[in-house]
Amino acid sequence: MHGSIYLYMKTEGELQQRLYGWMKGTWYVYLALFVVVTIWSTLFVPASLQHFRDTPVLWVVPLLNIVAIANIMRGDQTGTPFYAFISSCLTIVSPGGPVQRGALS
């Protein structure tokens, strides 16, 4: 997804239009995997939510991550791929929503 957004910004013409389809398709795949991993980790790894119980202010992190994920599609649809690219960068550097990180422990 991130790579297709970058290439979309750097190309033009027919290739750029093909990349637009890739951006949308990979965003839906990313969103589906994000939802599956989030649900799986909260249901089957109870310790993944322990930090949120101890420090409720941490809920800001996954909420910002969700906003960044939604902003990727908004940037694509409004013709502002740079905003989509920045949002994609934020999802990469984000702790992945600590909920997902808990699935690995």
C-alpha atoms as a PDB file:
ATOM      1  CA  MET A   1       0.000   0.000   0.000  1.00  0.00           C
ATOM      2  CA  HIS A   2       2.697   2.452   1.018  1.00  0.00           C
ATOM      3  CA  GLY A   3       4.750   1.732  -2.083  1.00  0.00           C
ATOM      4  CA  SER A   4       1.810   2.139  -4.439  1.00  0.00           C
ATOM      5  CA  ILE A   5       1.003   5.537  -2.898  1.00  0.00           C
ATOM      6  CA  TYR A   6       4.614   6.631  -3.346  1.00  0.00           C
ATOM      7  CA  LEU A   7       4.734   5.446  -6.950  1.00  0.00           C
ATOM      8  CA  TYR A   8       1.390   7.128  -7.643  1.00  0.00           C
ATOM      9  CA  MET A   9       2.889  10.447  -6.571  1.00  0.00           C
ATOM     10  CA  LYS A  10       5.956   9.915  -8.786  1.00  0.00           C
ATOM     11  CA  THR A  11       4.244   8.799 -12.002  1.00  0.00           C
ATOM     12  CA  GLU A  12       1.639  10.110 -14.414  1.00  0.00           C
ATOM     13  CA  GLY A  13      -0.586   8.898 -17.203  1.00  0.00           C
ATOM     14  CA  GLU A  14      -1.753   5.317 -17.613  1.00  0.00           C
ATOM     15  CA  LEU A  15       0.653   3.888 -15.044  1.00  0.00           C
ATOM     16  CA  GLN A  16      -0.625   6.338 -12.452  1.00  0.00           C
ATOM     17  CA  GLN A  17      -4.208   5.244 -13.112  1.00  0.00           C
ATOM     18  CA  ARG A  18      -3.247   1.591 -12.694  1.00  0.00           C
ATOM     19  CA  LEU A  19      -1.512   2.441  -9.430  1.00  0.00           C
ATOM     20  CA  TYR A  20      -4.676   4.137  -8.177  1.00  0.00           C
ATOM     21  CA  GLY A  21      -6.417   0.763  -8.407  1.00  0.00           C
ATOM     22  CA  TRP A  22      -3.567  -0.842  -6.481  1.00  0.00           C
ATOM     23  CA  MET A  23      -3.764   1.829  -3.786  1.00  0.00           C
ATOM     24  CA  LYS A  24      -7.456   1.195  -3.224  1.00  0.00           C
ATOM     25  CA  GLY A  25      -7.123  -2.589  -3.339  1.00  0.00           C
ATOM     26  CA  THR A  26      -4.188  -2.777  -0.963  1.00  0.00           C
ATOM     27  CA  TRP A  27      -5.907  -0.365   1.436  1.00  0.00           C
ATOM     28  CA  TYR A  28      -8.895  -2.731   1.709  1.00  0.00           C
ATOM     29  CA  VAL A  29      -6.569  -5.695   2.310  1.00  0.00           C
ATOM     30  CA  TYR A  30      -4.657  -3.712   4.952  1.00  0.00           C
ATOM     31  CA  LEU A  31      -7.886  -2.666   6.655  1.00  0.00           C
ATOM     32  CA  ALA A  32      -9.198  -6.245   6.704  1.00  0.00           C
ATOM     33  CA  LEU A  33      -5.955  -7.586   8.175  1.00  0.00           C
ATOM     34  CA  PHE A  34      -5.848  -4.768  10.737  1.00  0.00           C
ATOM     35  CA  VAL A  35      -9.375  -5.605  11.900  1.00  0.00           C
ATOM     36  CA  VAL A  36      -8.699  -9.360  12.022  1.00  0.00           C
ATOM     37  CA  VAL A  37      -5.478  -8.987  14.013  1.00  0.00           C
ATOM     38  CA  THR A  38      -7.083  -6.486  16.385  1.00  0.00           C
ATOM     39  CA  ILE A  39     -10.054  -8.742  17.073  1.00  0.00           C
ATOM     40  CA  TRP A  40      -7.875 -11.850  17.364  1.00  0.00           C
ATOM     41  CA  SER A  41      -5.447 -10.232  19.797  1.00  0.00           C
ATOM     42  CA  THR A  42      -8.183  -8.810  22.029  1.00  0.00           C
ATOM     43  CA  LEU A  43     -10.077 -12.116  22.168  1.00  0.00           C
ATOM     44  CA  PHE A  44      -7.238 -14.606  22.436  1.00  0.00           C
ATOM     45  CA  VAL A  45      -4.453 -12.599  24.105  1.00  0.00           C
ATOM     46  CA  PRO A  46      -6.081 -11.002  27.153  1.00  0.00           C
ATOM     47  CA  ALA A  47      -2.797  -9.476  28.296  1.00  0.00           C
ATOM     48  CA  SER A  48      -2.752  -7.301  25.181  1.00  0.00           C
ATOM     49  CA  LEU A  49      -5.197  -4.887  26.838  1.00  0.00           C
ATOM     50  CA  GLN A  50      -3.529  -4.791  30.253  1.00  0.00           C
ATOM     51  CA  HIS A  51      -1.624  -1.548  29.593  1.00  0.00           C
ATOM     52  CA  PHE A  52      -4.871   0.121  28.516  1.00  0.00           C
ATOM     53  CA  ARG A  53      -6.541  -0.928  31.761  1.00  0.00           C
ATOM     54  CA  ASP A  54      -3.611   0.400  33.796  1.00  0.00           C
ATOM     55  CA  THR A  55      -3.217   3.654  31.838  1.00  0.00           C
ATOM     56  CA  PRO A  56      -6.412   4.631  29.993  1.00  0.00           C
ATOM     57  CA  VAL A  57      -4.741   7.590  28.278  1.00  0.00           C
ATOM     58  CA  LEU A  58      -2.963   5.048  26.058  1.00  0.00           C
ATOM     59  CA  TRP A  59      -6.225   4.604  24.124  1.00  0.00           C
ATOM     60  CA  VAL A  60      -5.171   7.747  22.240  1.00  0.00           C
ATOM     61  CA  VAL A  61      -2.515   5.751  20.350  1.00  0.00           C
ATOM     62  CA  PRO A  62      -4.809   3.209  18.631  1.00  0.00           C
ATOM     63  CA  LEU A  63      -7.403   5.920  18.025  1.00  0.00           C
ATOM     64  CA  LEU A  64      -4.820   8.043  16.202  1.00  0.00           C
ATOM     65  CA  ASN A  65      -3.781   4.964  14.256  1.00  0.00           C
ATOM     66  CA  ILE A  66      -7.387   4.397  13.154  1.00  0.00           C
ATOM     67  CA  VAL A  67      -7.640   8.043  12.075  1.00  0.00           C
ATOM     68  CA  ALA A  68      -4.421   7.678  10.058  1.00  0.00           C
ATOM     69  CA  ILE A  69      -5.723   4.520   8.361  1.00  0.00           C
ATOM     70  CA  ALA A  70      -8.990   6.252   7.441  1.00  0.00           C
ATOM     71  CA  ASN A  71      -7.081   9.288   6.194  1.00  0.00           C
ATOM     72  CA  ILE A  72      -5.203   7.138   3.689  1.00  0.00           C
ATOM     73  CA  MET A  73      -8.415   6.419   1.792  1.00  0.00           C
ATOM     74  CA  ARG A  74      -9.605  10.005   2.198  1.00  0.00           C
ATOM     75  CA  GLY A  75      -6.359  11.250   0.681  1.00  0.00           C
ATOM     76  CA  ASP A  76      -6.782   8.862  -2.228  1.00  0.00           C
ATOM     77  CA  GLN A  77     -10.377   9.863  -2.901  1.00  0.00           C
ATOM     78  CA  THR A  78      -9.826  13.612  -2.637  1.00  0.00           C
ATOM     79  CA  GLY A  79      -6.843  13.602  -4.989  1.00  0.00           C
ATOM     80  CA  THR A  80      -4.302  14.480  -2.308  1.00  0.00           C
ATOM     81  CA  PRO A  81      -1.922  11.509  -2.398  1.00  0.00           C
ATOM     82  CA  PHE A  82       0.654  13.335  -0.300  1.00  0.00           C
ATOM     83  CA  TYR A  83      -1.721  13.261   2.688  1.00  0.00           C
ATOM     84  CA  ALA A  84      -2.360   9.589   2.038  1.00  0.00           C
ATOM     85  CA  PHE A  85       1.408   9.006   1.963  1.00  0.00           C
ATOM     86  CA  ILE A  86       1.973  10.859   5.248  1.00  0.00           C
ATOM     87  CA  SER A  87      -0.852   8.897   6.887  1.00  0.00           C
ATOM     88  CA  SER A  88       0.658   5.667   5.596  1.00  0.00           C
ATOM     89  CA  CYS A  89       3.985   6.715   7.131  1.00  0.00           C
ATOM     90  CA  LEU A  90       2.232   7.293  10.440  1.00  0.00           C
ATOM     91  CA  THR A  91       0.721   3.804  10.413  1.00  0.00           C
ATOM     92  CA  ILE A  92       4.191   2.371   9.780  1.00  0.00           C
ATOM     93  CA  VAL A  93       5.882   4.221  12.656  1.00  0.00           C
ATOM     94  CA  SER A  94       2.915   3.778  14.976  1.00  0.00           C
ATOM     95  CA  PRO A  95       3.240   1.066  17.580  1.00  0.00           C
ATOM     96  CA  GLY A  96       0.777  -0.744  15.305  1.00  0.00           C
ATOM     97  CA  GLY A  97      -1.837  -0.076  17.822  1.00  0.00           C
ATOM     98  CA  PRO A  98      -0.360  -1.678  20.927  1.00  0.00           C
ATOM     99  CA  VAL A  99      -3.237  -4.119  20.643  1.00  0.00           C
ATOM    100  CA  GLN A 100      -1.472  -5.800  17.697  1.00  0.00           C
ATOM    101  CA  ARG A 101       1.853  -5.744  19.498  1.00  0.00           C
ATOM    102  CA  GLY A 102       0.273  -7.730  22.312  1.00  0.00           C
ATOM    103  CA  ALA A 103      -0.539 -10.492  19.828  1.00  0.00           C
ATOM    104  CA  LEU A 104       3.186 -11.106  19.423  1.00  0.00           C
ATOM    105  CA  SER A 105       3.986 -11.547  23.088  1.00  0.00           C
END
